[in-house]
Amino acid sequence: MSQDSSLVSAIVASRRMTDDGSMVVYNLTNNLDFSNSKKVADALAEVFFEKDASKWFKVDGDHIQFNPTYKVRILLAEEHNKLVSKAVGNFLEDLKKKELDRKFVQQIKDISANMENLQAAMASNAIGTFLTKLFDRKVDITEIEDDLFTDILEVLEIRTPSNADLIDWEHLPI
């Protein structure tokens, strides 16, 4: 078993649903080596997205509906504070840029194309021309990705056992 697959297995093994089904807890306070915080973040983003976040989205054509049925709390030890903080940042970035994009790439493109078509239809008047200048395809795609990412953040907690919030809300990857 490779280091990455053993890391994924350790993260999966740490996942527990509360008795009432309202929360999943990933207790990563023991037995994880944070010396390579990027690998931990990649594995955590993959497991979290596949086991939890992907189940919260329903795709209907080019419409993506978000309907979470429980919250997720990720517990990380305080002892490696700098490494843990780096891992949290990498996790959030991977979640948005890798996992969301991979799962919903076609829907994001379709939504963006529909916005472009609407802008083109409005381009014949002054307001349409103004809007067309403000938004381009890349901005539209980024806004859609940001919306999906912020939906997930509403039901995700990353904390220490003493309940300190580890998400740096001022430096999110949005």
N, C-alpha and C. Protein backbone atom coordinates (compact mmCIF):
# COMPACT_ATOMS: atom_id res chain seq x y z
N MET A 1 0.85 -1.19 0.00
CA MET A 1 0.00 0.00 0.00
C MET A 1 0.89 1.24 0.00
N SER A 2 0.66 2.17 -0.91
CA SER A 2 1.47 3.38 -0.99
C SER A 2 1.16 4.30 0.17
N GLN A 3 2.03 5.29 0.35
CA GLN A 3 1.83 6.25 1.43
C GLN A 3 0.51 7.01 1.24
N ASP A 4 0.20 7.39 -0.01
CA ASP A 4 -1.03 8.13 -0.27
C ASP A 4 -2.27 7.30 0.02
N SER A 5 -2.26 6.03 -0.39
CA SER A 5 -3.43 5.20 -0.13
C SER A 5 -3.57 4.88 1.36
N SER A 6 -2.45 4.77 2.07
CA SER A 6 -2.56 4.55 3.51
C SER A 6 -3.06 5.81 4.20
N LEU A 7 -2.69 6.96 3.68
CA LEU A 7 -3.19 8.23 4.22
C LEU A 7 -4.69 8.35 3.99
N VAL A 8 -5.14 8.02 2.79
CA VAL A 8 -6.58 8.03 2.49
C VAL A 8 -7.31 7.06 3.41
N SER A 9 -6.75 5.87 3.58
CA SER A 9 -7.37 4.87 4.46
C SER A 9 -7.47 5.36 5.90
N ALA A 10 -6.42 6.03 6.38
CA ALA A 10 -6.44 6.57 7.74
C ALA A 10 -7.52 7.64 7.90
N ILE A 11 -7.69 8.46 6.87
CA ILE A 11 -8.71 9.52 6.92
C ILE A 11 -10.10 8.89 6.89
N VAL A 12 -10.31 7.92 6.02
CA VAL A 12 -11.60 7.23 5.95
C VAL A 12 -11.91 6.57 7.29
N ALA A 13 -10.90 5.95 7.91
CA ALA A 13 -11.10 5.27 9.20
C ALA A 13 -11.43 6.24 10.32
N SER A 14 -11.04 7.50 10.17
CA SER A 14 -11.31 8.50 11.21
C SER A 14 -12.73 9.07 11.12
N ARG A 15 -13.45 8.75 10.06
CA ARG A 15 -14.78 9.32 9.78
C ARG A 15 -15.85 8.59 10.59
N ARG A 16 -16.63 9.36 11.36
CA ARG A 16 -17.72 8.80 12.16
C ARG A 16 -18.95 9.69 12.06
N MET A 17 -20.11 9.06 11.91
CA MET A 17 -21.40 9.77 11.91
C MET A 17 -21.91 9.80 13.35
N THR A 18 -22.45 10.94 13.78
CA THR A 18 -23.03 11.01 15.11
C THR A 18 -24.29 10.15 15.15
N ASP A 19 -24.69 9.75 16.36
CA ASP A 19 -25.84 8.87 16.52
C ASP A 19 -27.12 9.43 15.91
N ASP A 20 -27.29 10.75 15.99
CA ASP A 20 -28.52 11.35 15.45
C ASP A 20 -28.43 11.65 13.95
N GLY A 21 -27.27 11.39 13.33
CA GLY A 21 -27.11 11.59 11.90
C GLY A 21 -26.98 13.03 11.46
N SER A 22 -26.80 13.95 12.40
CA SER A 22 -26.73 15.37 12.05
C SER A 22 -25.33 15.85 11.71
N MET A 23 -24.30 15.02 12.01
CA MET A 23 -22.94 15.46 11.77
C MET A 23 -22.02 14.25 11.54
N VAL A 24 -21.07 14.47 10.64
CA VAL A 24 -19.96 13.54 10.45
C VAL A 24 -18.73 14.22 11.02
N VAL A 25 -17.96 13.45 11.79
CA VAL A 25 -16.73 13.98 12.39
C VAL A 25 -15.54 13.19 11.85
N TYR A 26 -14.57 13.92 11.32
CA TYR A 26 -13.29 13.35 10.96
C TYR A 26 -12.33 13.73 12.09
N ASN A 27 -11.96 12.78 12.92
CA ASN A 27 -11.06 13.05 14.04
C ASN A 27 -9.64 12.74 13.59
N LEU A 28 -8.93 13.76 13.17
CA LEU A 28 -7.57 13.62 12.64
C LEU A 28 -6.53 14.10 13.65
N THR A 29 -6.86 13.99 14.93
CA THR A 29 -5.95 14.48 15.97
C THR A 29 -4.84 13.49 16.29
N ASN A 30 -4.96 12.24 15.86
CA ASN A 30 -3.94 11.23 16.15
C ASN A 30 -3.52 10.51 14.87
N ASN A 31 -2.31 10.01 14.88
CA ASN A 31 -1.82 9.08 13.85
C ASN A 31 -1.72 9.66 12.44
N LEU A 32 -1.70 10.96 12.29
CA LEU A 32 -1.45 11.54 10.96
C LEU A 32 -0.19 12.38 11.02
N ASP A 33 0.66 12.19 10.03
CA ASP A 33 1.90 12.94 9.93
C ASP A 33 1.66 14.17 9.07
N PHE A 34 1.70 15.34 9.69
CA PHE A 34 1.44 16.59 8.97
C PHE A 34 2.70 17.21 8.39
N SER A 35 3.82 16.48 8.41
CA SER A 35 5.06 17.06 7.88
C SER A 35 4.93 17.36 6.39
N ASN A 36 4.10 16.62 5.68
CA ASN A 36 3.79 16.94 4.29
C ASN A 36 2.31 17.36 4.25
N SER A 37 2.09 18.60 4.64
CA SER A 37 0.72 19.09 4.77
C SER A 37 -0.03 19.08 3.45
N LYS A 38 0.66 19.21 2.34
CA LYS A 38 0.01 19.19 1.02
C LYS A 38 -0.59 17.82 0.74
N LYS A 39 0.14 16.76 1.06
CA LYS A 39 -0.39 15.40 0.85
C LYS A 39 -1.60 15.14 1.75
N VAL A 40 -1.51 15.60 3.00
CA VAL A 40 -2.64 15.42 3.91
C VAL A 40 -3.85 16.18 3.37
N ALA A 41 -3.63 17.41 2.92
CA ALA A 41 -4.72 18.23 2.40
C ALA A 41 -5.36 17.59 1.15
N ASP A 42 -4.52 17.10 0.24
CA ASP A 42 -5.03 16.45 -0.98
C ASP A 42 -5.89 15.24 -0.63
N ALA A 43 -5.37 14.40 0.27
CA ALA A 43 -6.11 13.19 0.65
C ALA A 43 -7.40 13.54 1.37
N LEU A 44 -7.36 14.51 2.26
CA LEU A 44 -8.55 14.92 2.99
C LEU A 44 -9.60 15.50 2.05
N ALA A 45 -9.18 16.34 1.11
CA ALA A 45 -10.13 16.92 0.15
C ALA A 45 -10.80 15.82 -0.67
N GLU A 46 -10.01 14.84 -1.11
CA GLU A 46 -10.55 13.73 -1.89
C GLU A 46 -11.57 12.92 -1.09
N VAL A 47 -11.21 12.55 0.13
CA VAL A 47 -12.10 11.74 0.97
C VAL A 47 -13.35 12.53 1.33
N PHE A 48 -13.19 13.75 1.80
CA PHE A 48 -14.34 14.57 2.20
C PHE A 48 -15.29 14.78 1.02
N PHE A 49 -14.75 15.08 -0.14
CA PHE A 49 -15.63 15.34 -1.27
C PHE A 49 -16.36 14.08 -1.70
N GLU A 50 -15.65 12.97 -1.80
CA GLU A 50 -16.27 11.72 -2.26
C GLU A 50 -17.27 11.15 -1.24
N LYS A 51 -16.92 11.20 0.03
CA LYS A 51 -17.77 10.59 1.07
C LYS A 51 -18.92 11.49 1.49
N ASP A 52 -18.74 12.80 1.38
CA ASP A 52 -19.75 13.71 1.92
C ASP A 52 -20.23 14.76 0.92
N ALA A 53 -19.38 15.70 0.58
CA ALA A 53 -19.82 16.88 -0.19
C ALA A 53 -20.51 16.53 -1.50
N SER A 54 -20.00 15.54 -2.22
CA SER A 54 -20.61 15.21 -3.52
C SER A 54 -22.04 14.72 -3.38
N LYS A 55 -22.40 14.19 -2.22
CA LYS A 55 -23.77 13.72 -1.98
C LYS A 55 -24.73 14.86 -1.71
N TRP A 56 -24.21 16.03 -1.44
CA TRP A 56 -25.05 17.19 -1.12
C TRP A 56 -25.53 17.93 -2.36
N PHE A 57 -24.99 17.58 -3.51
CA PHE A 57 -25.34 18.28 -4.75
C PHE A 57 -26.19 17.38 -5.62
N LYS A 58 -27.23 17.96 -6.20
CA LYS A 58 -28.07 17.26 -7.17
C LYS A 58 -27.96 18.02 -8.47
N VAL A 59 -27.60 17.30 -9.52
CA VAL A 59 -27.42 17.92 -10.83
C VAL A 59 -28.62 17.58 -11.70
N ASP A 60 -29.22 18.63 -12.27
CA ASP A 60 -30.35 18.47 -13.19
C ASP A 60 -30.04 19.32 -14.41
N GLY A 61 -29.54 18.67 -15.45
CA GLY A 61 -29.12 19.41 -16.64
C GLY A 61 -27.94 20.29 -16.29
N ASP A 62 -28.09 21.61 -16.51
CA ASP A 62 -27.00 22.51 -16.14
C ASP A 62 -27.29 23.23 -14.81
N HIS A 63 -28.23 22.72 -14.06
CA HIS A 63 -28.56 23.30 -12.75
C HIS A 63 -27.96 22.43 -11.65
N ILE A 64 -27.30 23.07 -10.70
CA ILE A 64 -26.71 22.35 -9.57
C ILE A 64 -27.42 22.82 -8.30
N GLN A 65 -28.08 21.91 -7.64
CA GLN A 65 -28.81 22.24 -6.40
C GLN A 65 -28.02 21.70 -5.21
N PHE A 66 -27.89 22.51 -4.17
CA PHE A 66 -27.16 22.13 -2.96
C PHE A 66 -28.16 21.83 -1.86
N ASN A 67 -28.12 20.60 -1.34
CA ASN A 67 -29.06 20.19 -0.30
C ASN A 67 -28.36 19.27 0.70
N PRO A 68 -27.59 19.85 1.64
CA PRO A 68 -26.89 19.01 2.62
C PRO A 68 -27.87 18.44 3.64
N THR A 69 -27.60 17.23 4.08
CA THR A 69 -28.47 16.59 5.07
C THR A 69 -27.78 16.47 6.42
N TYR A 70 -26.52 16.87 6.49
CA TYR A 70 -25.78 16.86 7.76
C TYR A 70 -24.59 17.80 7.62
N LYS A 71 -23.96 18.13 8.74
CA LYS A 71 -22.77 18.96 8.77
C LYS A 71 -21.54 18.06 8.89
N VAL A 72 -20.39 18.63 8.61
CA VAL A 72 -19.12 17.92 8.77
C VAL A 72 -18.20 18.76 9.64
N ARG A 73 -17.58 18.09 10.61
CA ARG A 73 -16.57 18.72 11.46
C ARG A 73 -15.28 17.94 11.29
N ILE A 74 -14.22 18.66 10.97
CA ILE A 74 -12.90 18.06 10.87
C ILE A 74 -12.10 18.54 12.08
N LEU A 75 -11.66 17.59 12.90
CA LEU A 75 -10.88 17.91 14.09
C LEU A 75 -9.40 17.70 13.81
N LEU A 76 -8.59 18.72 14.08
CA LEU A 76 -7.15 18.66 13.90
C LEU A 76 -6.46 19.07 15.19
N ALA A 77 -5.35 18.43 15.48
CA ALA A 77 -4.60 18.72 16.71
C ALA A 77 -3.98 20.11 16.67
N GLU A 78 -3.86 20.71 17.83
CA GLU A 78 -3.28 22.05 17.95
C GLU A 78 -1.75 22.02 17.98
N GLU A 79 -1.17 20.87 18.24
CA GLU A 79 0.26 20.80 18.51
C GLU A 79 1.16 21.18 17.34
N HIS A 80 0.74 20.97 16.12
CA HIS A 80 1.53 21.35 14.94
C HIS A 80 0.85 22.53 14.25
N ASN A 81 0.67 23.60 15.00
CA ASN A 81 -0.18 24.70 14.56
C ASN A 81 0.14 25.22 13.16
N LYS A 82 1.40 25.49 12.86
CA LYS A 82 1.75 26.04 11.56
C LYS A 82 1.48 25.03 10.44
N LEU A 83 1.86 23.77 10.67
CA LEU A 83 1.62 22.73 9.67
C LEU A 83 0.13 22.49 9.48
N VAL A 84 -0.62 22.50 10.58
CA VAL A 84 -2.07 22.30 10.50
C VAL A 84 -2.72 23.45 9.74
N SER A 85 -2.32 24.68 10.03
CA SER A 85 -2.87 25.85 9.33
C SER A 85 -2.60 25.75 7.83
N LYS A 86 -1.39 25.32 7.48
CA LYS A 86 -1.04 25.17 6.07
C LYS A 86 -1.90 24.08 5.43
N ALA A 87 -2.09 22.98 6.15
CA ALA A 87 -2.92 21.89 5.64
C ALA A 87 -4.36 22.34 5.42
N VAL A 88 -4.91 23.13 6.34
CA VAL A 88 -6.28 23.63 6.20
C VAL A 88 -6.38 24.50 4.96
N GLY A 89 -5.44 25.41 4.77
CA GLY A 89 -5.45 26.26 3.57
C GLY A 89 -5.37 25.44 2.29
N ASN A 90 -4.47 24.46 2.28
CA ASN A 90 -4.34 23.60 1.10
C ASN A 90 -5.60 22.77 0.87
N PHE A 91 -6.20 22.28 1.95
CA PHE A 91 -7.44 21.51 1.84
C PHE A 91 -8.54 22.33 1.18
N LEU A 92 -8.75 23.55 1.65
CA LEU A 92 -9.81 24.39 1.09
C LEU A 92 -9.54 24.71 -0.38
N GLU A 93 -8.27 24.97 -0.69
CA GLU A 93 -7.91 25.25 -2.08
C GLU A 93 -8.13 24.03 -2.97
N ASP A 94 -7.70 22.86 -2.50
CA ASP A 94 -7.91 21.62 -3.26
C ASP A 94 -9.38 21.32 -3.44
N LEU A 95 -10.16 21.54 -2.39
CA LEU A 95 -11.59 21.27 -2.46
C LEU A 95 -12.22 22.08 -3.57
N LYS A 96 -11.87 23.36 -3.63
CA LYS A 96 -12.47 24.22 -4.65
C LYS A 96 -11.90 23.95 -6.04
N LYS A 97 -10.59 23.93 -6.14
CA LYS A 97 -9.96 23.89 -7.47
C LYS A 97 -9.88 22.50 -8.08
N LYS A 98 -9.82 21.47 -7.25
CA LYS A 98 -9.72 20.12 -7.81
C LYS A 98 -11.04 19.38 -7.75
N GLU A 99 -11.58 19.22 -6.56
CA GLU A 99 -12.75 18.36 -6.39
C GLU A 99 -14.01 18.95 -7.02
N LEU A 100 -14.32 20.22 -6.74
CA LEU A 100 -15.52 20.83 -7.33
C LEU A 100 -15.42 20.90 -8.84
N ASP A 101 -14.27 21.35 -9.33
CA ASP A 101 -14.09 21.45 -10.78
C ASP A 101 -14.23 20.09 -11.45
N ARG A 102 -13.61 19.07 -10.88
CA ARG A 102 -13.64 17.73 -11.48
C ARG A 102 -15.06 17.19 -11.55
N LYS A 103 -15.84 17.40 -10.50
CA LYS A 103 -17.18 16.82 -10.42
C LYS A 103 -18.19 17.60 -11.29
N PHE A 104 -18.07 18.91 -11.33
CA PHE A 104 -19.11 19.74 -11.96
C PHE A 104 -18.60 20.56 -13.15
N VAL A 105 -17.52 20.13 -13.78
CA VAL A 105 -16.93 20.92 -14.86
C VAL A 105 -17.94 21.22 -15.97
N GLN A 106 -18.72 20.25 -16.40
CA GLN A 106 -19.66 20.48 -17.50
C GLN A 106 -20.78 21.43 -17.09
N GLN A 107 -21.33 21.25 -15.89
CA GLN A 107 -22.41 22.13 -15.43
C GLN A 107 -21.91 23.57 -15.27
N ILE A 108 -20.70 23.74 -14.76
CA ILE A 108 -20.14 25.09 -14.60
C ILE A 108 -19.99 25.74 -15.97
N LYS A 109 -19.49 24.99 -16.94
CA LYS A 109 -19.35 25.54 -18.30
C LYS A 109 -20.72 25.87 -18.89
N ASP A 110 -21.71 25.00 -18.69
CA ASP A 110 -23.05 25.23 -19.23
C ASP A 110 -23.70 26.47 -18.62
N ILE A 111 -23.57 26.61 -17.30
CA ILE A 111 -24.14 27.79 -16.62
C ILE A 111 -23.46 29.04 -17.15
N SER A 112 -22.14 29.00 -17.29
CA SER A 112 -21.40 30.15 -17.80
C SER A 112 -21.83 30.48 -19.23
N ALA A 113 -22.00 29.46 -20.07
CA ALA A 113 -22.43 29.68 -21.46
C ALA A 113 -23.81 30.30 -21.49
N ASN A 114 -24.71 29.86 -20.62
CA ASN A 114 -26.05 30.45 -20.57
C ASN A 114 -25.98 31.91 -20.17
N MET A 115 -25.08 32.25 -19.24
CA MET A 115 -24.91 33.65 -18.85
C MET A 115 -24.38 34.47 -20.02
N GLU A 116 -23.44 33.90 -20.79
CA GLU A 116 -22.92 34.57 -21.96
C GLU A 116 -24.02 34.81 -23.00
N ASN A 117 -24.88 33.81 -23.20
CA ASN A 117 -25.99 33.97 -24.15
C ASN A 117 -26.94 35.07 -23.73
N LEU A 118 -27.21 35.15 -22.44
CA LEU A 118 -28.07 36.20 -21.92
C LEU A 118 -27.42 37.56 -22.14
N GLN A 119 -26.12 37.65 -21.87
CA GLN A 119 -25.42 38.91 -22.09
C GLN A 119 -25.44 39.30 -23.56
N ALA A 120 -25.27 38.34 -24.44
CA ALA A 120 -25.29 38.63 -25.87
C ALA A 120 -26.67 39.13 -26.30
N ALA A 121 -27.72 38.55 -25.75
CA ALA A 121 -29.08 38.98 -26.09
C ALA A 121 -29.34 40.40 -25.61
N MET A 122 -28.71 40.77 -24.49
CA MET A 122 -28.92 42.11 -23.94
C MET A 122 -27.95 43.13 -24.53
N ALA A 123 -27.00 42.69 -25.33
CA ALA A 123 -25.94 43.57 -25.82
C ALA A 123 -26.46 44.68 -26.72
N SER A 124 -27.68 44.56 -27.22
CA SER A 124 -28.19 45.58 -28.13
C SER A 124 -28.58 46.87 -27.43
N ASN A 125 -28.69 46.84 -26.10
CA ASN A 125 -28.99 48.08 -25.40
C ASN A 125 -27.82 48.48 -24.52
N ALA A 126 -27.87 49.67 -23.96
CA ALA A 126 -26.75 50.21 -23.18
C ALA A 126 -26.45 49.38 -21.95
N ILE A 127 -27.48 48.88 -21.27
CA ILE A 127 -27.26 48.08 -20.07
C ILE A 127 -26.56 46.78 -20.45
N GLY A 128 -27.00 46.17 -21.52
CA GLY A 128 -26.37 44.94 -21.98
C GLY A 128 -24.91 45.13 -22.32
N THR A 129 -24.59 46.24 -23.00
CA THR A 129 -23.20 46.53 -23.34
C THR A 129 -22.38 46.71 -22.08
N PHE A 130 -22.92 47.41 -21.10
CA PHE A 130 -22.24 47.61 -19.84
C PHE A 130 -21.98 46.28 -19.13
N LEU A 131 -22.99 45.42 -19.08
CA LEU A 131 -22.83 44.11 -18.43
C LEU A 131 -21.83 43.24 -19.17
N THR A 132 -21.84 43.30 -20.49
CA THR A 132 -20.91 42.50 -21.27
C THR A 132 -19.48 42.91 -20.97
N LYS A 133 -19.24 44.20 -20.76
CA LYS A 133 -17.90 44.66 -20.42
C LYS A 133 -17.49 44.20 -19.03
N LEU A 134 -18.44 44.12 -18.12
CA LEU A 134 -18.12 43.75 -16.74
C LEU A 134 -17.77 42.27 -16.59
N PHE A 135 -18.44 41.42 -17.33
CA PHE A 135 -18.30 39.98 -17.13
C PHE A 135 -17.73 39.31 -18.37
N ASP A 136 -16.74 38.47 -18.16
CA ASP A 136 -16.29 37.61 -19.24
C ASP A 136 -16.42 36.16 -18.79
N ARG A 137 -16.17 35.22 -19.68
CA ARG A 137 -16.39 33.80 -19.39
C ARG A 137 -15.62 33.35 -18.15
N LYS A 138 -14.37 33.75 -18.00
CA LYS A 138 -13.56 33.32 -16.86
C LYS A 138 -14.15 33.83 -15.55
N VAL A 139 -14.58 35.06 -15.52
CA VAL A 139 -15.18 35.61 -14.31
C VAL A 139 -16.45 34.84 -13.96
N ASP A 140 -17.27 34.53 -14.95
CA ASP A 140 -18.51 33.80 -14.70
C ASP A 140 -18.21 32.43 -14.10
N ILE A 141 -17.26 31.70 -14.66
CA ILE A 141 -16.90 30.38 -14.16
C ILE A 141 -16.39 30.50 -12.73
N THR A 142 -15.55 31.49 -12.47
CA THR A 142 -15.02 31.68 -11.11
C THR A 142 -16.13 31.98 -10.13
N GLU A 143 -17.08 32.79 -10.52
CA GLU A 143 -18.20 33.11 -9.62
C GLU A 143 -19.04 31.88 -9.31
N ILE A 144 -19.26 31.04 -10.29
CA ILE A 144 -20.03 29.81 -10.08
C ILE A 144 -19.27 28.89 -9.13
N GLU A 145 -17.96 28.72 -9.36
CA GLU A 145 -17.14 27.90 -8.47
C GLU A 145 -17.16 28.45 -7.05
N ASP A 146 -17.06 29.79 -6.92
CA ASP A 146 -17.09 30.42 -5.60
C ASP A 146 -18.41 30.15 -4.89
N ASP A 147 -19.51 30.21 -5.64
CA ASP A 147 -20.83 29.95 -5.04
C ASP A 147 -20.93 28.52 -4.52
N LEU A 148 -20.47 27.54 -5.31
CA LEU A 148 -20.50 26.15 -4.87
C LEU A 148 -19.61 25.96 -3.64
N PHE A 149 -18.46 26.57 -3.65
CA PHE A 149 -17.51 26.46 -2.54
C PHE A 149 -18.09 27.07 -1.26
N THR A 150 -18.70 28.24 -1.37
CA THR A 150 -19.27 28.87 -0.17
C THR A 150 -20.48 28.09 0.34
N ASP A 151 -21.20 27.41 -0.55
CA ASP A 151 -22.28 26.52 -0.08
C ASP A 151 -21.71 25.45 0.84
N ILE A 152 -20.60 24.85 0.44
CA ILE A 152 -19.97 23.81 1.25
C ILE A 152 -19.50 24.38 2.59
N LEU A 153 -18.93 25.58 2.57
CA LEU A 153 -18.40 26.17 3.81
C LEU A 153 -19.50 26.41 4.86
N GLU A 154 -20.74 26.50 4.42
CA GLU A 154 -21.84 26.71 5.37
C GLU A 154 -22.08 25.50 6.26
N VAL A 155 -21.65 24.32 5.82
CA VAL A 155 -21.89 23.10 6.59
C VAL A 155 -20.59 22.38 6.96
N LEU A 156 -19.47 23.08 6.85
CA LEU A 156 -18.17 22.50 7.16
C LEU A 156 -17.51 23.28 8.29
N GLU A 157 -17.03 22.55 9.28
CA GLU A 157 -16.25 23.14 10.37
C GLU A 157 -14.89 22.47 10.39
N ILE A 158 -13.85 23.26 10.58
CA ILE A 158 -12.51 22.71 10.79
C ILE A 158 -12.03 23.31 12.10
N ARG A 159 -11.92 22.45 13.12
CA ARG A 159 -11.68 22.92 14.48
C ARG A 159 -10.62 22.08 15.18
N THR A 160 -10.19 22.60 16.31
CA THR A 160 -9.33 21.85 17.22
C THR A 160 -10.23 21.20 18.27
N PRO A 161 -9.70 20.24 19.04
CA PRO A 161 -10.51 19.65 20.11
C PRO A 161 -11.00 20.67 21.14
N SER A 162 -10.28 21.80 21.28
CA SER A 162 -10.73 22.85 22.19
C SER A 162 -11.72 23.81 21.53
N ASN A 163 -12.17 23.47 20.33
CA ASN A 163 -13.20 24.20 19.58
C ASN A 163 -12.71 25.49 18.93
N ALA A 164 -11.40 25.65 18.75
CA ALA A 164 -10.88 26.82 18.03
C ALA A 164 -11.10 26.60 16.53
N ASP A 165 -11.61 27.62 15.86
CA ASP A 165 -11.87 27.57 14.42
C ASP A 165 -10.54 27.67 13.67
N LEU A 166 -10.27 26.75 12.76
CA LEU A 166 -9.02 26.74 12.01
C LEU A 166 -9.16 27.28 10.60
N ILE A 167 -10.36 27.67 10.19
CA ILE A 167 -10.54 28.25 8.85
C ILE A 167 -10.17 29.73 8.92
N ASP A 168 -9.26 30.13 8.06
CA ASP A 168 -8.87 31.54 7.96
C ASP A 168 -9.86 32.24 7.04
N TRP A 169 -10.90 32.79 7.62
CA TRP A 169 -12.01 33.35 6.85
C TRP A 169 -11.62 34.56 6.02
N GLU A 170 -10.52 35.21 6.38
CA GLU A 170 -10.08 36.38 5.62
C GLU A 170 -9.25 36.02 4.39
N HIS A 171 -8.78 34.79 4.33
CA HIS A 171 -7.93 34.37 3.21
C HIS A 171 -8.43 33.10 2.55
N LEU A 172 -9.72 33.04 2.29
CA LEU A 172 -10.29 31.89 1.59
C LEU A 172 -9.90 31.94 0.12
N PRO A 173 -9.84 30.78 -0.54
CA PRO A 173 -9.47 30.76 -1.96
C PRO A 173 -10.64 31.16 -2.87
N ILE A 174 -11.23 32.33 -2.59
CA ILE A 174 -12.32 32.84 -3.45
C ILE A 174 -12.03 34.26 -3.85
